[in-house]
C-alpha cells in the first residue's frame, strides 16, 4: 500500500504547510521562475532602458537594491 505522502499532490501538500513555510515556498518558486526568465538577458541594460524611458527613477532602483540586499540570505543558495 502506498504512503499518503506519495498520494498527496503538491497543491495538497502546500495547503497543509504552515502559512510562513507556504509563503517562503511561494517566494522561492517565483524566484526560480524569475531566474529562468532572466537567463541570457543583461540586467544592467534592462535597468538603463527602464530609467531612460521614465518608467523607473534612480530612487526606484535604489529601493529595489535595498530590498534585494534584504533577501540575499534567502536566495544565496542560487548563487553558489
PDB file of N, CA and C in Angstrom:
ATOM      1  N   UNK A   1       0.853  -1.179   0.000  1.00  0.00           N
ATOM      2  CA  UNK A   1       0.000   0.000   0.000  1.00  0.00           C
ATOM      3  C   UNK A   1       0.893   1.234   0.000  1.00  0.00           C
ATOM      4  N   UNK A   2       0.528   2.234  -0.782  1.00  0.00           N
ATOM      5  CA  UNK A   2       1.371   3.425  -0.879  1.00  0.00           C
ATOM      6  C   UNK A   2       1.121   4.354   0.293  1.00  0.00           C
ATOM      7  N   UNK A   3       2.121   5.094   0.624  1.00  0.00           N
ATOM      8  CA  UNK A   3       2.045   6.057   1.721  1.00  0.00           C
ATOM      9  C   UNK A   3       1.198   7.245   1.307  1.00  0.00           C
ATOM     10  N   UNK A   4       0.509   7.853   2.286  1.00  0.00           N
ATOM     11  CA  UNK A   4      -0.295   9.037   1.979  1.00  0.00           C
ATOM     12  C   UNK A   4       0.566  10.192   1.502  1.00  0.00           C
ATOM     13  N   UNK A   5       1.833  10.196   1.884  1.00  0.00           N
ATOM     14  CA  UNK A   5       2.751  11.236   1.432  1.00  0.00           C
ATOM     15  C   UNK A   5       2.851  11.242  -0.084  1.00  0.00           C
ATOM     16  N   UNK A   6       2.869  10.062  -0.680  1.00  0.00           N
ATOM     17  CA  UNK A   6       3.029   9.963  -2.125  1.00  0.00           C
ATOM     18  C   UNK A   6       1.709  10.135  -2.863  1.00  0.00           C
ATOM     19  N   UNK A   7       0.596   9.996  -2.167  1.00  0.00           N
ATOM     20  CA  UNK A   7      -0.704  10.193  -2.810  1.00  0.00           C
ATOM     21  C   UNK A   7      -1.090  11.665  -2.867  1.00  0.00           C
ATOM     22  N   UNK A   8      -0.553  12.462  -1.970  1.00  0.00           N
ATOM     23  CA  UNK A   8      -0.895  13.885  -1.935  1.00  0.00           C
ATOM     24  C   UNK A   8      -0.252  14.614  -3.105  1.00  0.00           C
ATOM     25  N   UNK A   9      -1.019  15.474  -3.746  1.00  0.00           N
ATOM     26  CA  UNK A   9      -0.456  16.319  -4.795  1.00  0.00           C
ATOM     27  C   UNK A   9       0.342  17.432  -4.137  1.00  0.00           C
ATOM     28  N   UNK A  10       1.169  18.097  -4.919  1.00  0.00           N
ATOM     29  CA  UNK A  10       1.955  19.195  -4.354  1.00  0.00           C
ATOM     30  C   UNK A  10       1.051  20.313  -3.850  1.00  0.00           C
ATOM     31  N   UNK A  11      -0.092  20.536  -4.501  1.00  0.00           N
ATOM     32  CA  UNK A  11      -1.000  21.587  -4.032  1.00  0.00           C
ATOM     33  C   UNK A  11      -1.635  21.202  -2.700  1.00  0.00           C
ATOM     34  N   UNK A  12      -1.934  19.905  -2.519  1.00  0.00           N
ATOM     35  CA  UNK A  12      -2.473  19.467  -1.230  1.00  0.00           C
ATOM     36  C   UNK A  12      -1.418  19.604  -0.143  1.00  0.00           C
ATOM     37  N   UNK A  13      -0.180  19.270  -0.483  1.00  0.00           N
ATOM     38  CA  UNK A  13       0.898  19.386   0.490  1.00  0.00           C
ATOM     39  C   UNK A  13       1.119  20.849   0.851  1.00  0.00           C
ATOM     40  N   UNK A  14       1.057  21.736  -0.122  1.00  0.00           N
ATOM     41  CA  UNK A  14       1.232  23.163   0.146  1.00  0.00           C
ATOM     42  C   UNK A  14       0.113  23.683   1.037  1.00  0.00           C
ATOM     43  N   UNK A  15      -1.095  23.177   0.851  1.00  0.00           N
ATOM     44  CA  UNK A  15      -2.220  23.615   1.671  1.00  0.00           C
ATOM     45  C   UNK A  15      -2.049  23.190   3.127  1.00  0.00           C
ATOM     46  N   UNK A  16      -1.301  22.102   3.340  1.00  0.00           N
ATOM     47  CA  UNK A  16      -1.074  21.613   4.700  1.00  0.00           C
ATOM     48  C   UNK A  16       0.116  22.284   5.383  1.00  0.00           C
ATOM     49  N   UNK A  17       0.882  23.097   4.660  1.00  0.00           N
ATOM     50  CA  UNK A  17       2.030  23.789   5.232  1.00  0.00           C
ATOM     51  C   UNK A  17       1.554  24.926   6.128  1.00  0.00           C
ATOM     52  N   UNK A  18       2.399  25.297   7.080  1.00  0.00           N
ATOM     53  CA  UNK A  18       2.041  26.480   7.853  1.00  0.00           C
ATOM     54  C   UNK A  18       2.179  27.703   6.945  1.00  0.00           C
ATOM     55  N   UNK A  19       1.478  28.781   7.239  1.00  0.00           N
ATOM     56  CA  UNK A  19       1.464  29.944   6.340  1.00  0.00           C
ATOM     57  C   UNK A  19       2.852  30.505   6.025  1.00  0.00           C
ATOM     58  N   UNK A  20       3.747  30.542   7.013  1.00  0.00           N
ATOM     59  CA  UNK A  20       5.084  31.087   6.755  1.00  0.00           C
ATOM     60  C   UNK A  20       5.867  30.189   5.800  1.00  0.00           C
ATOM     61  N   UNK A  21       5.812  28.885   5.998  1.00  0.00           N
ATOM     62  CA  UNK A  21       6.520  27.963   5.108  1.00  0.00           C
ATOM     63  C   UNK A  21       5.933  28.019   3.705  1.00  0.00           C
ATOM     64  N   UNK A  22       4.611  28.145   3.613  1.00  0.00           N
ATOM     65  CA  UNK A  22       3.969  28.233   2.306  1.00  0.00           C
ATOM     66  C   UNK A  22       4.387  29.515   1.595  1.00  0.00           C
ATOM     67  N   UNK A  23       4.460  30.608   2.334  1.00  0.00           N
ATOM     68  CA  UNK A  23       4.871  31.881   1.760  1.00  0.00           C
ATOM     69  C   UNK A  23       6.323  31.804   1.262  1.00  0.00           C
ATOM     70  N   UNK A  24       7.189  31.207   2.047  1.00  0.00           N
ATOM     71  CA  UNK A  24       8.590  31.068   1.640  1.00  0.00           C
ATOM     72  C   UNK A  24       8.708  30.175   0.414  1.00  0.00           C
ATOM     73  N   UNK A  25       7.927  29.089   0.375  1.00  0.00           N
ATOM     74  CA  UNK A  25       7.950  28.198  -0.783  1.00  0.00           C
ATOM     75  C   UNK A  25       7.478  28.944  -2.031  1.00  0.00           C
ATOM     76  N   UNK A  26       6.463  29.789  -1.880  1.00  0.00           N
ATOM     77  CA  UNK A  26       5.947  30.576  -2.997  1.00  0.00           C
ATOM     78  C   UNK A  26       7.001  31.574  -3.487  1.00  0.00           C
ATOM     79  N   UNK A  27       7.673  32.227  -2.553  1.00  0.00           N
ATOM     80  CA  UNK A  27       8.726  33.187  -2.909  1.00  0.00           C
ATOM     81  C   UNK A  27       9.847  32.475  -3.666  1.00  0.00           C
ATOM     82  N   UNK A  28      10.254  31.326  -3.169  1.00  0.00           N
ATOM     83  CA  UNK A  28      11.344  30.586  -3.818  1.00  0.00           C
ATOM     84  C   UNK A  28      10.926  30.136  -5.219  1.00  0.00           C
ATOM     85  N   UNK A  29       9.701  29.691  -5.363  1.00  0.00           N
ATOM     86  CA  UNK A  29       9.209  29.262  -6.671  1.00  0.00           C
ATOM     87  C   UNK A  29       9.191  30.428  -7.654  1.00  0.00           C
ATOM     88  N   UNK A  30       8.698  31.569  -7.195  1.00  0.00           N
ATOM     89  CA  UNK A  30       8.663  32.756  -8.062  1.00  0.00           C
ATOM     90  C   UNK A  30      10.071  33.209  -8.437  1.00  0.00           C
ATOM     91  N   UNK A  31      10.993  33.088  -7.495  1.00  0.00           N
ATOM     92  CA  UNK A  31      12.373  33.488  -7.770  1.00  0.00           C
ATOM     93  C   UNK A  31      12.997  32.559  -8.802  1.00  0.00           C
ATOM     94  N   UNK A  32      12.724  31.270  -8.720  1.00  0.00           N
ATOM     95  CA  UNK A  32      13.248  30.336  -9.715  1.00  0.00           C
ATOM     96  C   UNK A  32      12.718  30.681 -11.107  1.00  0.00           C
ATOM     97  N   UNK A  33      11.432  31.026 -11.193  1.00  0.00           N
ATOM     98  CA  UNK A  33      10.856  31.434 -12.485  1.00  0.00           C
ATOM     99  C   UNK A  33      11.522  32.718 -12.985  1.00  0.00           C
ATOM    100  N   UNK A  34      11.770  33.650 -12.072  1.00  0.00           N
ATOM    101  CA  UNK A  34      12.437  34.901 -12.431  1.00  0.00           C
ATOM    102  C   UNK A  34      13.828  34.618 -12.991  1.00  0.00           C
ATOM    103  N   UNK A  35      14.585  33.746 -12.328  1.00  0.00           N
ATOM    104  CA  UNK A  35      15.926  33.414 -12.805  1.00  0.00           C
ATOM    105  C   UNK A  35      15.876  32.810 -14.200  1.00  0.00           C
ATOM    106  N   UNK A  36      14.911  31.937 -14.435  1.00  0.00           N
ATOM    107  CA  UNK A  36      14.779  31.338 -15.761  1.00  0.00           C
ATOM    108  C   UNK A  36      14.441  32.389 -16.808  1.00  0.00           C
ATOM    109  N   UNK A  37      13.551  33.322 -16.463  1.00  0.00           N
ATOM    110  CA  UNK A  37      13.154  34.372 -17.404  1.00  0.00           C
ATOM    111  C   UNK A  37      14.309  35.325 -17.707  1.00  0.00           C
ATOM    112  N   UNK A  38      15.193  35.527 -16.743  1.00  0.00           N
ATOM    113  CA  UNK A  38      16.313  36.463 -16.909  1.00  0.00           C
ATOM    114  C   UNK A  38      17.521  35.842 -17.582  1.00  0.00           C
ATOM    115  N   UNK A  39      17.525  34.544 -17.738  1.00  0.00           N
ATOM    116  CA  UNK A  39      18.681  33.871 -18.323  1.00  0.00           C
ATOM    117  C   UNK A  39      18.975  34.427 -19.715  1.00  0.00           C
ATOM    118  N   UNK A  40      20.223  34.843 -19.890  1.00  0.00           N
ATOM    119  CA  UNK A  40      20.660  35.384 -21.173  1.00  0.00           C
ATOM    120  C   UNK A  40      20.356  36.862 -21.370  1.00  0.00           C
ATOM    121  N   UNK A  41      19.757  37.503 -20.394  1.00  0.00           N
ATOM    122  CA  UNK A  41      19.424  38.929 -20.502  1.00  0.00           C
ATOM    123  C   UNK A  41      20.407  39.739 -19.674  1.00  0.00           C
ATOM    124  N   UNK A  42      20.642  40.963 -20.062  1.00  0.00           N
ATOM    125  CA  UNK A  42      21.566  41.859 -19.364  1.00  0.00           C
ATOM    126  C   UNK A  42      20.765  42.767 -18.432  1.00  0.00           C
ATOM    127  N   UNK A  43      20.820  42.496 -17.110  1.00  0.00           N
ATOM    128  CA  UNK A  43      20.027  43.299 -16.179  1.00  0.00           C
ATOM    129  C   UNK A  43      20.391  44.779 -16.197  1.00  0.00           C
ATOM    130  N   UNK A  44      21.675  45.086 -16.368  1.00  0.00           N
ATOM    131  CA  UNK A  44      22.087  46.498 -16.391  1.00  0.00           C
ATOM    132  C   UNK A  44      21.467  47.214 -17.593  1.00  0.00           C
ATOM    133  N   UNK A  45      21.445  46.548 -18.734  1.00  0.00           N
ATOM    134  CA  UNK A  45      20.847  47.144 -19.933  1.00  0.00           C
ATOM    135  C   UNK A  45      19.339  47.327 -19.741  1.00  0.00           C
ATOM    136  N   UNK A  46      18.712  46.371 -19.093  1.00  0.00           N
ATOM    137  CA  UNK A  46      17.274  46.489 -18.837  1.00  0.00           C
ATOM    138  C   UNK A  46      16.987  47.663 -17.921  1.00  0.00           C
ATOM    139  N   UNK A  47      17.798  47.831 -16.876  1.00  0.00           N
ATOM    140  CA  UNK A  47      17.611  48.969 -15.969  1.00  0.00           C
ATOM    141  C   UNK A  47      17.818  50.293 -16.687  1.00  0.00           C
ATOM    142  N   UNK A  48      18.859  50.359 -17.510  1.00  0.00           N
ATOM    143  CA  UNK A  48      19.105  51.609 -18.271  1.00  0.00           C
ATOM    144  C   UNK A  48      17.903  51.941 -19.145  1.00  0.00           C
ATOM    145  N   UNK A  49      17.359  50.932 -19.800  1.00  0.00           N
ATOM    146  CA  UNK A  49      16.203  51.150 -20.669  1.00  0.00           C
ATOM    147  C   UNK A  49      14.987  51.628 -19.863  1.00  0.00           C
ATOM    148  N   UNK A  50      14.740  50.994 -18.719  1.00  0.00           N
ATOM    149  CA  UNK A  50      13.602  51.400 -17.885  1.00  0.00           C
ATOM    150  C   UNK A  50      13.766  52.814 -17.351  1.00  0.00           C
ATOM    151  N   UNK A  51      14.987  53.161 -16.976  1.00  0.00           N
ATOM    152  CA  UNK A  51      15.231  54.503 -16.446  1.00  0.00           C
ATOM    153  C   UNK A  51      15.173  55.550 -17.549  1.00  0.00           C
ATOM    154  N   UNK A  52      15.713  55.234 -18.714  1.00  0.00           N
ATOM    155  CA  UNK A  52      15.698  56.218 -19.800  1.00  0.00           C
ATOM    156  C   UNK A  52      14.287  56.435 -20.350  1.00  0.00           C
ATOM    157  N   UNK A  53      13.434  55.412 -20.228  1.00  0.00           N
ATOM    158  CA  UNK A  53      12.053  55.552 -20.694  1.00  0.00           C
ATOM    159  C   UNK A  53      11.193  56.319 -19.692  1.00  0.00           C
ATOM    160  N   UNK A  54      11.729  56.523 -18.475  1.00  0.00           N
ATOM    161  CA  UNK A  54      10.981  57.230 -17.453  1.00  0.00           C
ATOM    162  C   UNK A  54      10.073  56.339 -16.619  1.00  0.00           C
ATOM    163  N   UNK A  55      10.058  55.040 -16.909  1.00  0.00           N
ATOM    164  CA  UNK A  55       9.207  54.125 -16.145  1.00  0.00           C
ATOM    165  C   UNK A  55       9.722  53.943 -14.724  1.00  0.00           C
ATOM    166  N   UNK A  56      11.039  54.039 -14.544  1.00  0.00           N
ATOM    167  CA  UNK A  56      11.653  53.912 -13.211  1.00  0.00           C
ATOM    168  C   UNK A  56      12.643  55.038 -12.999  1.00  0.00           C
ATOM    169  N   UNK A  57      12.710  55.493 -11.755  1.00  0.00           N
ATOM    170  CA  UNK A  57      13.665  56.547 -11.400  1.00  0.00           C
ATOM    171  C   UNK A  57      14.845  55.920 -10.668  1.00  0.00           C
ATOM    172  N   UNK A  58      15.869  56.727 -10.443  1.00  0.00           N
ATOM    173  CA  UNK A  58      17.020  56.253  -9.673  1.00  0.00           C
ATOM    174  C   UNK A  58      16.583  55.864  -8.263  1.00  0.00           C
ATOM    175  N   UNK A  59      15.612  56.573  -7.705  1.00  0.00           N
ATOM    176  CA  UNK A  59      15.086  56.227  -6.384  1.00  0.00           C
ATOM    177  C   UNK A  59      14.421  54.851  -6.390  1.00  0.00           C
ATOM    178  N   UNK A  60      13.677  54.536  -7.457  1.00  0.00           N
ATOM    179  CA  UNK A  60      13.057  53.212  -7.569  1.00  0.00           C
ATOM    180  C   UNK A  60      14.120  52.119  -7.601  1.00  0.00           C
ATOM    181  N   UNK A  61      15.173  52.356  -8.353  1.00  0.00           N
ATOM    182  CA  UNK A  61      16.256  51.374  -8.471  1.00  0.00           C
ATOM    183  C   UNK A  61      16.964  51.215  -7.128  1.00  0.00           C
ATOM    184  N   UNK A  62      17.213  52.312  -6.431  1.00  0.00           N
ATOM    185  CA  UNK A  62      17.866  52.260  -5.125  1.00  0.00           C
ATOM    186  C   UNK A  62      17.010  51.470  -4.131  1.00  0.00           C
ATOM    187  N   UNK A  63      15.708  51.679  -4.178  1.00  0.00           N
ATOM    188  CA  UNK A  63      14.811  50.939  -3.292  1.00  0.00           C
ATOM    189  C   UNK A  63      14.860  49.441  -3.619  1.00  0.00           C
ATOM    190  N   UNK A  64      14.852  49.096  -4.876  1.00  0.00           N
ATOM    191  CA  UNK A  64      14.928  47.685  -5.280  1.00  0.00           C
ATOM    192  C   UNK A  64      16.254  47.062  -4.838  1.00  0.00           C
ATOM    193  N   UNK A  65      17.334  47.830  -4.931  1.00  0.00           N
ATOM    194  CA  UNK A  65      18.642  47.327  -4.484  1.00  0.00           C
ATOM    195  C   UNK A  65      18.632  47.056  -2.983  1.00  0.00           C
ATOM    196  N   UNK A  66      18.014  47.940  -2.205  1.00  0.00           N
ATOM    197  CA  UNK A  66      17.918  47.727  -0.751  1.00  0.00           C
ATOM    198  C   UNK A  66      17.103  46.472  -0.438  1.00  0.00           C
ATOM    199  N   UNK A  67      16.008  46.300  -1.149  1.00  0.00           N
ATOM    200  CA  UNK A  67      15.172  45.121  -0.934  1.00  0.00           C
ATOM    201  C   UNK A  67      15.924  43.847  -1.318  1.00  0.00           C
ATOM    202  N   UNK A  68      16.666  43.898  -2.406  1.00  0.00           N
ATOM    203  CA  UNK A  68      17.438  42.730  -2.845  1.00  0.00           C
ATOM    204  C   UNK A  68      18.462  42.327  -1.791  1.00  0.00           C
ATOM    205  N   UNK A  69      19.100  43.308  -1.176  1.00  0.00           N
ATOM    206  CA  UNK A  69      20.078  43.005  -0.127  1.00  0.00           C
ATOM    207  C   UNK A  69      19.426  42.315   1.058  1.00  0.00           C
ATOM    208  N   UNK A  70      18.194  42.693   1.377  1.00  0.00           N
ATOM    209  CA  UNK A  70      17.482  42.057   2.486  1.00  0.00           C
ATOM    210  C   UNK A  70      17.169  40.587   2.188  1.00  0.00           C
ATOM    211  N   UNK A  71      16.926  40.273   0.922  1.00  0.00           N
ATOM    212  CA  UNK A  71      16.564  38.908   0.538  1.00  0.00           C
ATOM    213  C   UNK A  71      17.762  38.022   0.210  1.00  0.00           C
ATOM    214  N   UNK A  72      18.939  38.588   0.111  1.00  0.00           N
ATOM    215  CA  UNK A  72      20.111  37.799  -0.276  1.00  0.00           C
ATOM    216  C   UNK A  72      20.328  36.547   0.574  1.00  0.00           C
ATOM    217  N   UNK A  73      20.188  36.600   1.895  1.00  0.00           N
ATOM    218  CA  UNK A  73      20.389  35.355   2.654  1.00  0.00           C
ATOM    219  C   UNK A  73      19.429  34.239   2.220  1.00  0.00           C
ATOM    220  N   UNK A  74      18.198  34.586   1.892  1.00  0.00           N
ATOM    221  CA  UNK A  74      17.218  33.600   1.471  1.00  0.00           C
ATOM    222  C   UNK A  74      17.566  33.004   0.108  1.00  0.00           C
ATOM    223  N   UNK A  75      18.079  33.843  -0.803  1.00  0.00           N
ATOM    224  CA  UNK A  75      18.347  33.401  -2.161  1.00  0.00           C
ATOM    225  C   UNK A  75      19.806  33.000  -2.412  1.00  0.00           C
ATOM    226  N   UNK A  76      20.641  33.073  -1.408  1.00  0.00           N
ATOM    227  CA  UNK A  76      22.079  32.841  -1.622  1.00  0.00           C
ATOM    228  C   UNK A  76      22.387  31.464  -2.174  1.00  0.00           C
ATOM    229  N   UNK A  77      21.544  30.478  -1.911  1.00  0.00           N
ATOM    230  CA  UNK A  77      21.821  29.124  -2.425  1.00  0.00           C
ATOM    231  C   UNK A  77      21.769  29.060  -3.953  1.00  0.00           C
ATOM    232  N   UNK A  78      21.117  30.022  -4.596  1.00  0.00           N
ATOM    233  CA  UNK A  78      21.050  30.043  -6.048  1.00  0.00           C
ATOM    234  C   UNK A  78      22.318  30.614  -6.693  1.00  0.00           C
ATOM    235  N   UNK A  79      23.164  31.253  -5.888  1.00  0.00           N
ATOM    236  CA  UNK A  79      24.325  31.951  -6.434  1.00  0.00           C
ATOM    237  C   UNK A  79      25.647  31.302  -6.070  1.00  0.00           C
ATOM    238  N   UNK A  80      25.626  30.070  -5.625  1.00  0.00           N
ATOM    239  CA  UNK A  80      26.867  29.391  -5.235  1.00  0.00           C
ATOM    240  C   UNK A  80      27.549  28.795  -6.432  1.00  0.00           C
TER     241      UNK A  80
END
